[in-house]
Amino acid sequence: MDLQLAGRRLLITGASSGIGLATARLLAEEGARLALCARDEDRLRTATADLGARTDVVTASCDVTSRASVDAFVATAVDRLGGLDGVVCNAGRSLMRSLDETTDEEIRDEFDLKIFGALHVIRATRTALAASDRGAVVIVNAILSRQPETRLAVTSAARAGLLNLSSSLAEELAADGTRVNSVLLGLIDTGQWQRRFAESGADDFAAWSAEIADDRGIALGRFGSADELAFPIATLLSPRNSYTTGATLEVGGGVHRYV
């Protein structure tokens, strides 16, 4: 199927690894032109070095919690690509800690990253997306936004706020002709989980992750992969999905425990 992404100008935050990098690779295969950012520019350029042979790629360091940093990156992306047609707000992390173990500063940082990490990007790209024939925003969020866990209490609360904000943005940006949708991820095998596996002392990632999947009630009994998130993100960016906005798509292996 042709997703009609060839030549589309797409911006991705948090693109140096995991879901952001997998999405960039898939979109490059589809012929999209890319603006990619991450905090560590050297790591980003190393990870995406091969993409330049397939398509136009703009890379830059960007702190999504800083409006000035985001504005500078977006201005460069719009100038180099001649505009923007889509945005993937992907920068994020999980704070696995109880409330008693979490400082006020860490709580503020978590909300800053989740809320302003998306809001700064959407504000900065709004005009460019409105000028596109079919502008689209995909916000990478988590099932935690609807199904909180005590081990991730602060992250769950911040993600719930982001999900609510995403619905408001979908309504507001519809006037521009820009669609806003969310992908809610479950447990995905990314660098965070690889680090936790290394710290666990276990010697078999498949067995270790399957045990966690069982504990979390994941129906498919395993973690997902970054590639399994990249495809639904790409489909929501596609002009073929032009009547979908304000939607949430769960990609969690059947982990949800609510109606």
Protein backbone atom coordinates (compact mmCIF):
# COMPACT_ATOMS: atom_id res chain seq x y z
CA MET A 1 0.00 0.00 0.00
CA ASP A 2 1.22 3.47 -0.88
CA LEU A 3 0.87 5.66 2.22
CA GLN A 4 1.36 8.75 0.01
CA LEU A 5 4.24 9.94 2.20
CA ALA A 6 6.79 10.38 -0.59
CA GLY A 7 8.03 13.96 -0.54
CA ARG A 8 6.10 14.81 2.63
CA ARG A 9 8.12 16.97 5.03
CA LEU A 10 8.01 15.39 8.47
CA LEU A 11 9.58 16.39 11.80
CA ILE A 12 10.35 13.89 14.57
CA THR A 13 11.54 14.65 18.10
CA GLY A 14 13.52 12.13 20.13
CA ALA A 15 14.82 10.58 16.91
CA SER A 16 18.21 9.23 18.00
CA SER A 17 16.96 5.85 19.24
CA GLY A 18 13.96 3.64 19.92
CA ILE A 19 10.58 4.61 18.51
CA GLY A 20 11.77 7.91 17.04
CA LEU A 21 14.62 6.28 15.11
CA ALA A 22 12.46 3.37 13.93
CA THR A 23 9.84 5.85 12.70
CA ALA A 24 12.47 7.91 10.89
CA ARG A 25 13.76 4.79 9.12
CA LEU A 26 10.28 3.74 8.01
CA LEU A 27 9.38 7.21 6.78
CA ALA A 28 12.67 7.43 4.87
CA GLU A 29 11.79 4.16 3.15
CA GLU A 30 8.46 5.75 2.18
CA GLY A 31 10.33 8.67 0.60
CA ALA A 32 9.48 11.32 3.18
CA ARG A 33 11.86 14.23 3.77
CA LEU A 34 12.88 14.45 7.42
CA ALA A 35 13.78 16.91 10.16
CA LEU A 36 15.11 14.98 13.15
CA CYS A 37 16.14 16.18 16.59
CA ALA A 38 17.38 14.83 19.90
CA ARG A 39 19.30 16.24 22.84
CA ASP A 40 22.57 14.53 21.82
CA GLU A 41 23.30 15.68 18.28
CA ASP A 42 26.39 13.46 17.85
CA ARG A 43 24.39 10.38 18.78
CA LEU A 44 21.58 11.47 16.48
CA ARG A 45 23.88 11.96 13.50
CA THR A 46 25.56 8.60 14.06
CA ALA A 47 22.22 6.80 14.33
CA THR A 48 20.78 8.43 11.20
CA ALA A 49 23.92 8.66 9.07
CA ASP A 50 22.62 6.18 6.48
CA LEU A 51 19.29 7.95 5.96
CA GLY A 52 20.86 10.76 3.94
CA ALA A 53 21.46 8.36 1.08
CA ARG A 54 17.69 7.77 0.81
CA THR A 55 16.16 11.18 1.36
CA ASP A 56 16.70 14.75 2.57
CA VAL A 57 17.51 14.77 6.29
CA VAL A 58 17.95 17.75 8.62
CA THR A 59 19.39 16.92 12.06
CA ALA A 60 19.91 19.15 15.08
CA SER A 61 20.23 19.13 18.83
CA CYS A 62 17.04 20.28 20.54
CA ASP A 63 15.74 20.43 24.09
CA VAL A 64 11.96 20.15 23.73
CA THR A 65 11.42 21.64 27.21
CA SER A 66 12.96 24.89 25.96
CA ARG A 67 10.73 26.97 23.71
CA ALA A 68 13.72 28.87 22.32
CA SER A 69 15.48 25.62 21.41
CA VAL A 70 12.36 24.25 19.73
CA ASP A 71 11.69 27.50 17.84
CA ALA A 72 15.25 27.50 16.48
CA PHE A 73 15.03 23.87 15.34
CA VAL A 74 11.64 24.33 13.69
CA ALA A 75 12.81 27.47 11.89
CA THR A 76 15.78 25.54 10.50
CA ALA A 77 13.57 22.61 9.47
CA VAL A 78 11.04 24.84 7.69
CA ASP A 79 13.81 26.74 5.92
CA ARG A 80 15.69 23.62 4.79
CA LEU A 81 12.64 21.56 3.79
CA GLY A 82 10.52 24.42 2.50
CA GLY A 83 7.73 23.79 5.01
CA LEU A 84 6.26 20.96 7.08
CA ASP A 85 3.46 18.47 6.52
CA GLY A 86 3.63 16.43 9.71
CA VAL A 87 5.07 16.24 13.20
CA VAL A 88 5.77 13.33 15.55
CA CYS A 89 6.06 14.41 19.20
CA ASN A 90 8.05 11.52 20.59
CA ALA A 91 10.48 12.83 23.20
CA GLY A 92 9.85 11.17 26.55
CA ARG A 93 10.86 8.77 29.28
CA SER A 94 9.37 6.92 32.25
CA LEU A 95 10.10 7.69 35.89
CA MET A 96 9.77 4.35 37.68
CA ARG A 97 9.58 5.44 41.29
CA SER A 98 7.01 5.66 44.05
CA LEU A 99 5.64 9.05 45.09
CA ASP A 100 7.52 8.89 48.39
CA GLU A 101 10.78 8.44 46.49
CA THR A 102 10.16 11.29 44.03
CA THR A 103 11.25 14.87 44.68
CA ASP A 104 9.17 17.92 43.80
CA GLU A 105 11.78 18.90 41.22
CA GLU A 106 11.54 15.49 39.54
CA ILE A 107 7.76 15.79 39.41
CA ARG A 108 7.98 19.21 37.78
CA ASP A 109 10.57 17.93 35.30
CA GLU A 110 8.30 15.04 34.34
CA PHE A 111 5.33 17.31 33.66
CA ASP A 112 7.60 19.77 31.86
CA LEU A 113 8.84 17.06 29.49
CA LYS A 114 5.47 15.46 28.82
CA ILE A 115 3.33 18.60 28.49
CA PHE A 116 5.68 21.28 27.19
CA GLY A 117 7.71 18.71 25.24
CA ALA A 118 4.71 18.40 22.94
CA LEU A 119 3.16 21.85 23.33
CA HIS A 120 6.34 23.76 22.40
CA VAL A 121 6.69 21.70 19.22
CA ILE A 122 3.05 22.06 18.19
CA ARG A 123 3.02 25.80 18.82
CA ALA A 124 6.23 26.26 16.82
CA THR A 125 5.01 24.19 13.87
CA ARG A 126 1.38 25.31 13.78
CA THR A 127 1.77 27.92 11.05
CA ALA A 128 3.80 25.62 8.80
CA LEU A 129 1.34 22.75 9.27
CA ALA A 130 -1.60 25.03 8.50
CA ALA A 131 0.07 25.91 5.19
CA SER A 132 0.27 22.22 4.26
CA ASP A 133 -2.52 20.67 2.24
CA ARG A 134 -2.97 17.98 4.92
CA GLY A 135 -1.05 18.77 8.11
CA ALA A 136 -0.84 16.07 10.75
CA VAL A 137 0.46 15.70 14.29
CA VAL A 138 1.04 12.36 16.02
CA ILE A 139 1.68 12.47 19.76
CA VAL A 140 3.42 9.40 21.14
CA ASN A 141 1.84 8.80 24.54
CA ALA A 142 1.23 5.69 26.65
CA ILE A 143 -1.57 3.47 27.89
CA LEU A 144 -0.48 4.75 31.32
CA SER A 145 -2.46 7.88 30.46
CA ARG A 146 -5.64 5.83 30.96
CA GLN A 147 -4.39 3.02 33.17
CA PRO A 148 -2.04 4.39 35.86
CA GLU A 149 0.39 2.29 37.87
CA THR A 150 1.66 3.10 41.35
CA ARG A 151 5.22 2.28 40.22
CA LEU A 152 4.88 5.02 37.61
CA ALA A 153 2.57 7.41 39.44
CA VAL A 154 4.11 10.69 38.29
CA THR A 155 4.62 9.56 34.70
CA SER A 156 1.02 8.26 34.62
CA ALA A 157 -0.32 11.60 35.82
CA ALA A 158 1.76 13.58 33.32
CA ARG A 159 0.70 11.31 30.47
CA ALA A 160 -2.96 11.66 31.46
CA GLY A 161 -2.56 15.42 31.25
CA LEU A 162 -0.96 15.08 27.82
CA LEU A 163 -3.82 12.90 26.56
CA ASN A 164 -6.36 15.48 27.71
CA LEU A 165 -4.32 18.26 26.10
CA SER A 166 -4.09 16.27 22.87
CA SER A 167 -7.89 16.15 22.62
CA SER A 168 -8.09 19.91 23.08
CA LEU A 169 -5.39 20.47 20.46
CA ALA A 170 -7.22 18.24 17.98
CA GLU A 171 -10.30 20.43 18.30
CA GLU A 172 -8.38 23.70 18.11
CA LEU A 173 -6.10 22.79 15.19
CA ALA A 174 -8.97 21.37 13.14
CA ALA A 175 -9.71 24.98 12.19
CA ASP A 176 -6.29 24.99 10.46
CA GLY A 177 -6.99 21.72 8.68
CA THR A 178 -4.39 20.01 10.88
CA ARG A 179 -5.16 16.61 12.39
CA VAL A 180 -3.92 15.63 15.89
CA ASN A 181 -3.91 11.97 16.97
CA SER A 182 -2.24 9.94 19.71
CA VAL A 183 -0.55 6.56 19.74
CA LEU A 184 -0.69 4.97 23.20
CA LEU A 185 2.15 2.53 23.70
CA GLY A 186 2.46 -0.32 26.13
CA LEU A 187 5.74 -1.99 27.08
CA ILE A 188 8.17 -1.50 24.20
CA ASP A 189 11.67 -2.97 23.99
CA THR A 190 13.73 0.22 23.92
CA GLY A 191 16.94 1.42 25.56
CA GLN A 192 15.21 2.05 28.89
CA TRP A 193 14.19 -1.59 29.23
CA GLN A 194 17.55 -2.83 28.00
CA ARG A 195 19.21 -0.81 30.77
CA ARG A 196 16.81 -2.24 33.36
CA PHE A 197 17.56 -5.75 32.10
CA ALA A 198 21.30 -5.14 32.45
CA GLU A 199 20.79 -3.87 35.99
CA SER A 200 18.60 -6.86 36.91
CA GLY A 201 21.38 -9.44 36.68
CA ALA A 202 19.20 -11.73 34.53
CA ASP A 203 20.83 -13.48 31.58
CA ASP A 204 17.90 -14.04 29.20
CA PHE A 205 16.03 -10.94 28.02
CA ALA A 206 13.20 -12.92 26.41
CA ALA A 207 12.44 -14.82 29.62
CA TRP A 208 12.92 -11.75 31.80
CA SER A 209 10.64 -9.57 29.66
CA ALA A 210 8.02 -12.33 29.32
CA GLU A 211 7.80 -12.51 33.11
CA ILE A 212 7.23 -8.75 33.28
CA ALA A 213 4.65 -8.99 30.48
CA ASP A 214 2.79 -11.64 32.44
CA ASP A 215 2.91 -9.53 35.61
CA ARG A 216 1.53 -6.52 33.70
CA GLY A 217 -1.27 -8.53 32.10
CA ILE A 218 -0.14 -8.20 28.48
CA ALA A 219 -2.35 -10.58 26.50
CA LEU A 220 0.28 -11.31 23.82
CA GLY A 221 2.80 -12.19 26.54
CA ARG A 222 5.71 -10.10 25.31
CA PHE A 223 7.12 -6.61 24.85
CA GLY A 224 6.50 -4.78 21.59
CA SER A 225 9.24 -3.50 19.30
CA ALA A 226 9.95 0.03 18.11
CA ASP A 227 9.15 -1.08 14.55
CA GLU A 228 5.69 -2.14 15.71
CA LEU A 229 5.08 1.46 16.82
CA ALA A 230 6.59 3.04 13.72
CA PHE A 231 3.96 1.65 11.35
CA PRO A 232 0.85 2.99 13.16
CA ILE A 233 2.60 6.35 13.54
CA ALA A 234 3.25 6.41 9.79
CA THR A 235 -0.35 5.53 8.97
CA LEU A 236 -1.65 8.38 11.12
CA LEU A 237 0.65 10.78 9.27
CA SER A 238 -0.56 9.50 5.92
CA PRO A 239 -2.89 11.69 3.82
CA ARG A 240 -4.94 8.51 3.40
CA ASN A 241 -6.00 9.01 7.04
CA SER A 242 -7.31 12.50 6.33
CA TYR A 243 -10.61 12.06 8.22
CA THR A 244 -9.05 10.87 11.48
CA THR A 245 -8.40 13.39 14.23
CA GLY A 246 -8.72 13.41 18.00
CA ALA A 247 -8.24 9.63 17.98
CA THR A 248 -6.14 7.39 20.20
CA LEU A 249 -4.63 4.18 18.89
CA GLU A 250 -3.43 1.67 21.48
CA VAL A 251 -0.38 -0.42 20.62
CA GLY A 252 0.15 -2.46 23.77
CA GLY A 253 -0.33 -6.15 23.05
CA GLY A 254 -3.75 -6.17 24.71
CA VAL A 255 -2.62 -4.74 28.04
CA HIS A 256 -5.61 -2.49 28.72
CA ARG A 257 -7.81 -3.31 31.68
CA TYR A 258 -10.63 -0.83 31.13
CA VAL A 259 -13.61 -0.54 28.80
